[in-house]
Amino acid sequence: MSHSNNGSLEAAEDVIVTLDCDQVLLPAGRRSLNSIRSHLETLALAGQRVLAEFSVDGAPQDLSSPLQARAFQRVDAVTIPLNELPLLLLTTAARQTARAQASVEAALTLVLINNQANARELWWILAGQMKEPVLTLSLMPENYCRQCCGTTFDKLRRWQLEQVSRIIRRVDATCEGPDNIPLSDALEKLVLPWLENLAQHIRLWLEATEAGARLGIKIASA
């Protein structure tokens, strides 16, 4: 796939950038990873595609997280057409859920050995991570929700948002106590089970969508 650039773009002398195997000329001043990613995403969207893979010096990067500043020499990106976006969304949600699970597991002990102010701050960071996969799943097309989950998009989104907000409020309440033990217990008994159920739901949804793609089954329009 060809990705053309206009005459105002200049080649980066110290960085090689490719998009779908085609070398890309970067605008002047685009030297940070996030600026390069933004430029590649813009090129992809102009071609009715979205970024699916992004590697730096051969190492794959998680597109669901901000890119960390570092020295690099090469960036390679791969796009997919919009009709494959559901698979990308599900894969992203799965990664976000796994990251949240790992963070919560690490926090079980951390909240006990920190003072209340630090423990609360840690919980608020975790709360943000809990919301990420739910918001990602809210972008799934309506027709995929009906055929893969047996419910409408609106009902599924409402149910997921109500669940995560209810759990967050319950954990918030534990932060008002005199110590951090209730917070640790809530993370273990409320947050982790919810994330495990969400991970299983995403896994089944992803398997069904991947199987349909392999068999050439097209989800009917709503």
Protein backbone atom coordinates (compact mmCIF):
# COMPACT_ATOMS: atom_id res chain seq x y z
CA MET A 1 0.00 0.00 0.00
CA SER A 2 1.39 3.40 -0.98
CA HIS A 3 1.51 6.26 1.53
CA SER A 4 2.40 9.46 -0.29
CA ASN A 5 3.58 12.71 1.30
CA ASN A 6 3.48 16.25 -0.05
CA GLY A 7 6.49 18.39 -0.89
CA SER A 8 6.66 20.04 2.53
CA LEU A 9 7.79 16.82 4.16
CA GLU A 10 11.44 16.17 4.83
CA ALA A 11 13.18 12.84 5.24
CA ALA A 12 14.52 12.12 8.72
CA GLU A 13 18.24 11.61 8.41
CA ASP A 14 18.60 9.57 11.56
CA VAL A 15 15.35 7.56 11.64
CA ILE A 16 13.84 5.06 9.20
CA VAL A 17 10.04 4.91 9.29
CA THR A 18 7.87 2.50 7.33
CA LEU A 19 4.11 2.10 7.05
CA ASP A 20 2.89 -1.17 5.53
CA CYS A 21 6.48 -1.75 4.29
CA ASP A 22 6.61 1.61 2.48
CA GLN A 23 9.17 4.12 3.74
CA VAL A 24 7.56 7.32 5.01
CA LEU A 25 9.04 10.82 4.87
CA LEU A 26 8.52 12.68 8.12
CA PRO A 27 7.50 16.32 8.50
CA ALA A 28 10.16 18.62 9.92
CA GLY A 29 10.45 18.32 13.68
CA ARG A 30 8.84 14.89 13.91
CA ARG A 31 11.49 13.03 15.86
CA SER A 32 9.75 11.74 19.00
CA LEU A 33 8.00 8.38 19.00
CA ASN A 34 4.62 9.90 19.85
CA SER A 35 4.90 12.50 17.09
CA ILE A 36 5.81 9.78 14.58
CA ARG A 37 2.95 7.60 15.76
CA SER A 38 0.53 10.53 15.39
CA HIS A 39 1.73 11.16 11.84
CA LEU A 40 1.38 7.49 10.88
CA GLU A 41 -2.10 7.30 12.39
CA THR A 42 -3.12 10.33 10.33
CA LEU A 43 -1.80 8.73 7.13
CA ALA A 44 -3.64 5.51 7.96
CA LEU A 45 -6.94 7.25 8.63
CA ALA A 46 -6.66 9.11 5.34
CA GLY A 47 -6.63 5.69 3.66
CA GLN A 48 -9.61 4.40 5.68
CA ARG A 49 -7.32 2.23 7.77
CA VAL A 50 -6.12 2.12 11.39
CA LEU A 51 -2.78 1.38 12.99
CA ALA A 52 -2.63 -2.24 14.19
CA GLU A 53 1.08 -2.84 14.84
CA PHE A 54 3.87 -0.49 15.85
CA SER A 55 7.44 -1.63 16.46
CA VAL A 56 10.53 0.32 17.50
CA ASP A 57 13.89 -1.12 16.49
CA GLY A 58 12.12 -4.44 15.94
CA ALA A 59 10.40 -4.51 19.34
CA PRO A 60 6.55 -4.51 19.24
CA GLN A 61 4.91 -1.71 21.23
CA ASP A 62 1.57 -1.71 23.04
CA LEU A 63 -0.59 0.78 21.16
CA SER A 64 -3.02 0.98 24.07
CA SER A 65 -0.38 2.81 26.16
CA PRO A 66 1.59 6.04 25.62
CA LEU A 67 5.00 5.44 24.08
CA GLN A 68 7.94 6.06 26.38
CA ALA A 69 10.66 8.48 25.27
CA ARG A 70 13.81 6.63 24.18
CA ALA A 71 16.57 6.65 21.60
CA PHE A 72 15.67 4.73 18.45
CA GLN A 73 16.66 4.30 14.81
CA ARG A 74 13.74 2.59 13.14
CA VAL A 75 9.95 2.54 13.38
CA ASP A 76 7.75 0.08 11.50
CA ALA A 77 3.95 0.23 11.49
CA VAL A 78 1.24 -1.95 9.97
CA THR A 79 -2.35 -0.92 9.29
CA ILE A 80 -5.60 -2.83 8.84
CA PRO A 81 -8.82 -1.86 7.01
CA LEU A 82 -11.70 -0.52 9.07
CA ASN A 83 -13.70 -3.75 8.66
CA GLU A 84 -11.07 -5.50 10.77
CA LEU A 85 -11.33 -2.92 13.55
CA PRO A 86 -13.43 -5.16 15.88
CA LEU A 87 -10.55 -7.63 16.15
CA LEU A 88 -8.15 -4.81 16.99
CA LEU A 89 -10.53 -3.42 19.62
CA LEU A 90 -10.93 -6.82 21.27
CA THR A 91 -7.18 -7.43 21.25
CA THR A 92 -6.58 -4.00 22.77
CA ALA A 93 -9.23 -4.57 25.45
CA ALA A 94 -7.67 -7.93 26.30
CA ARG A 95 -4.26 -6.29 26.77
CA GLN A 96 -5.73 -3.49 28.88
CA THR A 97 -7.52 -6.01 31.09
CA ALA A 98 -4.37 -8.10 31.55
CA ARG A 99 -2.40 -4.98 32.45
CA ALA A 100 -5.05 -3.97 35.00
CA GLN A 101 -5.04 -7.48 36.50
CA ALA A 102 -1.26 -7.42 36.92
CA SER A 103 -1.40 -3.95 38.51
CA VAL A 104 -4.10 -4.98 40.98
CA GLU A 105 -2.23 -8.13 41.95
CA ALA A 106 0.88 -6.07 42.65
CA ALA A 107 -1.16 -3.53 44.61
CA LEU A 108 -2.56 -6.07 47.08
CA THR A 109 0.63 -5.84 49.11
CA LEU A 110 1.63 -2.29 48.15
CA VAL A 111 -1.48 -0.73 49.70
CA LEU A 112 -0.67 -2.47 53.00
CA ILE A 113 2.89 -1.19 53.25
CA ASN A 114 2.08 2.40 52.24
CA ASN A 115 0.39 5.16 54.18
CA GLN A 116 -3.25 5.93 53.46
CA ALA A 117 -2.55 8.86 51.16
CA ASN A 118 -0.25 6.80 48.94
CA ALA A 119 -2.62 3.81 49.05
CA ARG A 120 -5.53 5.96 47.90
CA GLU A 121 -3.44 7.43 45.08
CA LEU A 122 -2.48 3.93 43.98
CA TRP A 123 -6.13 2.88 43.96
CA TRP A 124 -7.14 5.87 41.84
CA ILE A 125 -4.54 4.87 39.25
CA LEU A 126 -5.95 1.34 39.27
CA ALA A 127 -9.48 2.70 38.86
CA GLY A 128 -8.38 4.43 35.67
CA GLN A 129 -6.92 1.18 34.34
CA MET A 130 -10.19 -0.64 35.11
CA LYS A 131 -12.13 1.78 32.93
CA GLU A 132 -9.84 1.44 29.89
CA PRO A 133 -11.07 -1.95 28.53
CA VAL A 134 -14.71 -1.02 29.12
CA LEU A 135 -14.31 2.19 27.14
CA THR A 136 -12.48 0.29 24.39
CA LEU A 137 -15.29 -2.28 24.17
CA SER A 138 -17.83 0.54 23.92
CA LEU A 139 -16.42 1.24 20.44
CA MET A 140 -17.44 -2.22 19.15
CA PRO A 141 -20.01 -2.13 16.32
CA GLU A 142 -23.63 -2.74 17.29
CA ASN A 143 -23.97 -5.79 15.02
CA TYR A 144 -21.03 -7.56 16.69
CA CYS A 145 -22.61 -7.09 20.09
CA ARG A 146 -25.87 -8.64 18.96
CA GLN A 147 -24.44 -11.70 17.26
CA CYS A 148 -21.48 -12.40 19.57
CA CYS A 149 -23.04 -11.46 22.92
CA GLY A 150 -26.75 -11.98 22.34
CA THR A 151 -27.64 -8.46 23.43
CA THR A 152 -27.81 -4.96 21.99
CA PHE A 153 -24.86 -2.62 22.07
CA ASP A 154 -26.72 -0.12 24.24
CA LYS A 155 -27.62 -2.75 26.87
CA LEU A 156 -24.11 -4.22 26.92
CA ARG A 157 -22.44 -0.84 27.28
CA ARG A 158 -24.85 0.26 30.02
CA TRP A 159 -24.31 -2.98 31.93
CA GLN A 160 -20.52 -2.76 31.73
CA LEU A 161 -20.38 0.90 32.73
CA GLU A 162 -22.80 0.34 35.63
CA GLN A 163 -20.73 -2.59 36.86
CA VAL A 164 -17.39 -0.80 36.82
CA SER A 165 -18.82 2.38 38.39
CA ARG A 166 -20.50 0.38 41.16
CA ILE A 167 -17.29 -1.48 41.99
CA ILE A 168 -15.24 1.73 41.97
CA ARG A 169 -17.69 3.39 44.37
CA ARG A 170 -17.53 0.41 46.72
CA VAL A 171 -13.73 0.43 46.73
CA ASP A 172 -13.72 4.21 47.19
CA ALA A 173 -15.72 3.72 50.37
CA THR A 174 -13.00 1.49 51.84
CA CYS A 175 -10.51 4.37 51.57
CA GLU A 176 -12.42 6.26 54.25
CA GLY A 177 -11.52 3.76 57.00
CA PRO A 178 -8.71 4.03 59.56
CA ASP A 179 -6.38 1.59 57.78
CA ASN A 180 -5.64 0.06 54.37
CA ILE A 181 -6.71 -3.53 55.08
CA PRO A 182 -10.28 -3.02 53.74
CA LEU A 183 -8.84 -1.54 50.55
CA SER A 184 -6.56 -4.55 50.02
CA ASP A 185 -9.49 -6.89 50.69
CA ALA A 186 -11.68 -5.02 48.22
CA LEU A 187 -9.02 -5.25 45.53
CA GLU A 188 -8.77 -9.00 46.09
CA LYS A 189 -12.46 -9.83 46.49
CA LEU A 190 -14.14 -7.27 44.22
CA VAL A 191 -11.76 -5.88 41.64
CA LEU A 192 -9.76 -8.99 40.71
CA PRO A 193 -12.83 -11.27 40.22
CA TRP A 194 -14.48 -8.59 38.07
CA LEU A 195 -11.36 -8.27 35.91
CA GLU A 196 -11.10 -12.06 35.61
CA ASN A 197 -14.73 -12.27 34.42
CA LEU A 198 -14.14 -9.42 31.98
CA ALA A 199 -11.01 -11.14 30.62
CA GLN A 200 -12.98 -14.35 30.06
CA HIS A 201 -15.78 -12.47 28.33
CA ILE A 202 -13.31 -10.72 26.01
CA ARG A 203 -11.48 -13.99 25.31
CA LEU A 204 -14.70 -15.74 24.22
CA TRP A 205 -15.75 -12.74 22.14
CA LEU A 206 -12.31 -12.60 20.52
CA GLU A 207 -12.32 -16.34 19.75
CA ALA A 208 -15.76 -16.08 18.13
CA THR A 209 -14.72 -13.08 16.05
CA GLU A 210 -11.43 -14.70 14.97
CA ALA A 211 -13.24 -17.91 14.02
CA GLY A 212 -15.69 -15.92 11.93
CA ALA A 213 -12.84 -14.12 10.18
CA ARG A 214 -11.07 -17.41 9.40
CA LEU A 215 -14.26 -18.89 7.97
CA GLY A 216 -15.03 -15.77 5.99
CA ILE A 217 -18.26 -15.15 7.92
CA LYS A 218 -19.42 -11.56 7.68
CA ILE A 219 -21.41 -10.11 10.53
CA ALA A 220 -24.67 -8.81 9.15
CA SER A 221 -25.28 -5.08 9.37
CA ALA A 222 -27.63 -3.88 12.07
